[in-house]
Protein backbone atom coordinates (compact mmCIF):
# COMPACT_ATOMS: atom_id res chain seq x y z
CA MET A 1 1.61 -15.45 -31.14
CA GLY A 2 -2.00 -15.88 -29.96
CA VAL A 3 -3.52 -14.81 -26.74
CA LEU A 4 -2.52 -18.02 -25.06
CA GLY A 5 1.12 -17.65 -26.15
CA ARG A 6 1.18 -14.16 -24.68
CA LEU A 7 -0.10 -15.49 -21.38
CA VAL A 8 2.44 -18.13 -20.95
CA ASN A 9 5.26 -15.90 -22.41
CA PHE A 10 7.36 -14.64 -19.43
CA GLU A 11 8.93 -11.73 -21.49
CA ARG A 12 6.71 -9.21 -20.39
CA PRO A 13 5.24 -8.98 -16.70
CA MET A 14 1.55 -9.21 -16.28
CA GLY A 15 1.69 -7.63 -12.78
CA PRO A 16 0.76 -3.99 -13.89
CA VAL A 17 -2.09 -5.24 -15.91
CA VAL A 18 -3.50 -7.55 -13.08
CA ALA A 19 -2.97 -4.43 -10.74
CA GLN A 20 -5.03 -2.33 -12.88
CA ILE A 21 -7.82 -4.98 -13.16
CA LEU A 22 -7.87 -5.21 -9.46
CA TYR A 23 -8.02 -1.49 -9.11
CA TYR A 24 -11.24 -1.47 -11.31
CA ILE A 25 -12.65 -4.50 -9.34
CA GLY A 26 -11.87 -2.51 -6.10
CA LEU A 27 -13.46 0.75 -7.57
CA PHE A 28 -16.64 -1.37 -8.33
CA ALA A 29 -16.77 -2.90 -4.80
CA VAL A 30 -16.28 0.47 -3.27
CA GLY A 31 -19.20 1.89 -5.32
CA ILE A 32 -21.52 -0.85 -4.57
CA GLY A 33 -20.79 -0.73 -0.90
CA ALA A 34 -21.24 3.18 -0.92
CA VAL A 35 -24.65 2.81 -2.84
CA ARG A 36 -25.82 0.06 -0.37
CA ARG A 37 -24.99 2.12 2.62
CA ILE A 38 -26.52 5.30 1.17
CA ILE A 39 -29.77 3.38 0.48
CA GLU A 40 -29.72 1.89 3.99
CA LYS A 41 -29.10 5.40 5.47
CA SER A 42 -31.67 7.11 3.38
CA SER A 43 -34.46 4.67 4.19
CA ARG A 44 -34.16 5.79 7.77
CA LEU A 45 -34.06 9.53 7.14
CA ALA A 46 -37.47 9.99 8.65
CA ASP A 47 -36.33 8.59 12.07
CA ASP A 48 -33.38 10.79 12.57
CA PHE A 49 -32.93 13.15 9.68
CA LEU A 50 -29.87 15.02 10.72
CA GLY A 51 -27.99 11.93 12.10
CA HIS A 52 -28.78 9.83 8.94
CA PHE A 53 -28.05 12.74 6.76
CA PHE A 54 -24.42 13.06 8.19
CA GLY A 55 -24.15 9.39 7.82
CA ILE A 56 -24.59 9.70 4.12
CA LEU A 57 -22.13 12.41 4.01
CA THR A 58 -19.72 10.10 6.04
CA VAL A 59 -20.36 7.24 3.51
CA LEU A 60 -19.47 9.48 0.82
CA PHE A 61 -16.30 10.68 2.43
CA VAL A 62 -15.03 7.22 3.41
CA ALA A 63 -15.75 5.96 -0.15
CA LEU A 64 -13.64 8.72 -1.51
CA LEU A 65 -10.82 7.78 0.94
CA TRP A 66 -11.09 4.22 -0.11
CA VAL A 67 -10.68 5.28 -3.69
CA LEU A 68 -7.63 7.18 -2.96
CA VAL A 69 -6.12 4.24 -1.01
CA LEU A 70 -6.77 1.99 -3.91
CA ARG A 71 -5.24 4.29 -6.33
CA LEU A 72 -2.06 4.80 -4.12
CA VAL A 73 -1.62 1.04 -3.65
CA THR A 74 -2.15 0.40 -7.34
CA GLU A 75 0.55 3.13 -8.19
CA LEU A 76 2.90 1.66 -5.73
CA VAL A 77 2.51 -1.98 -7.35
CA ARG A 78 2.87 -0.52 -10.81
CA ALA A 79 6.01 1.38 -9.74
CA ILE A 80 7.61 -1.70 -8.21
CA PHE A 81 6.91 -3.47 -11.57
CA ARG A 82 8.47 -0.53 -13.51
CA ILE A 83 11.51 -0.70 -11.29
CA ASP A 84 11.75 -4.37 -11.95
CA THR A 85 11.42 -3.85 -15.62
CA SER A 86 13.94 -1.04 -15.65
CA LEU A 87 16.56 -3.03 -13.57
CA HIS A 88 16.08 -6.09 -15.93
CA ASP A 89 16.72 -3.77 -18.98
CA ILE A 90 19.85 -2.20 -17.35
CA LEU A 91 21.18 -5.73 -16.50
CA THR A 92 20.58 -7.15 -19.99
CA GLY A 93 21.85 -4.03 -21.70
CA ARG A 94 18.62 -2.98 -23.37
CA SER A 95 16.99 0.52 -22.97
CA ALA A 96 13.94 0.34 -20.87
CA THR A 97 11.66 2.60 -23.16
CA GLY A 98 14.26 3.70 -25.79
CA LEU A 99 14.19 7.22 -24.44
CA ALA A 100 17.97 7.40 -24.30
CA ASN A 101 18.13 7.53 -28.15
CA ARG A 102 15.20 9.97 -28.63
CA ALA A 103 14.89 13.85 -28.07
CA SER A 104 12.36 14.89 -25.62
CA PRO A 105 9.12 16.25 -26.98
CA ASP A 106 9.89 19.88 -26.03
CA GLN A 107 13.29 19.83 -27.96
CA SER A 108 13.00 20.64 -31.51
CA ALA A 109 15.35 18.95 -34.08
CA ASP A 110 17.68 21.76 -35.39
């Protein structure tokens, strides 16, 4: 099956992939916004050094918070899709990942 066939096939959800792509787009947007604000603040450092210096630190802190929020939302969306996939597999009688038939990695075969 080609790329187009995989896109129109509804056997596997695209939600986790789309969530991950949107996460990377969000990271890019946060990075661009932070760089723009840092440049803006640093161009005015001569006027009020201490105020704009703390402004730069605030921009970095807020950007870090946005990255954490993006990560949490992405993990939440991916968890919802994992629950959906697991529930679908339970209802259809298939094992979600085949883990039930395999030994865990820390168990050795005797």
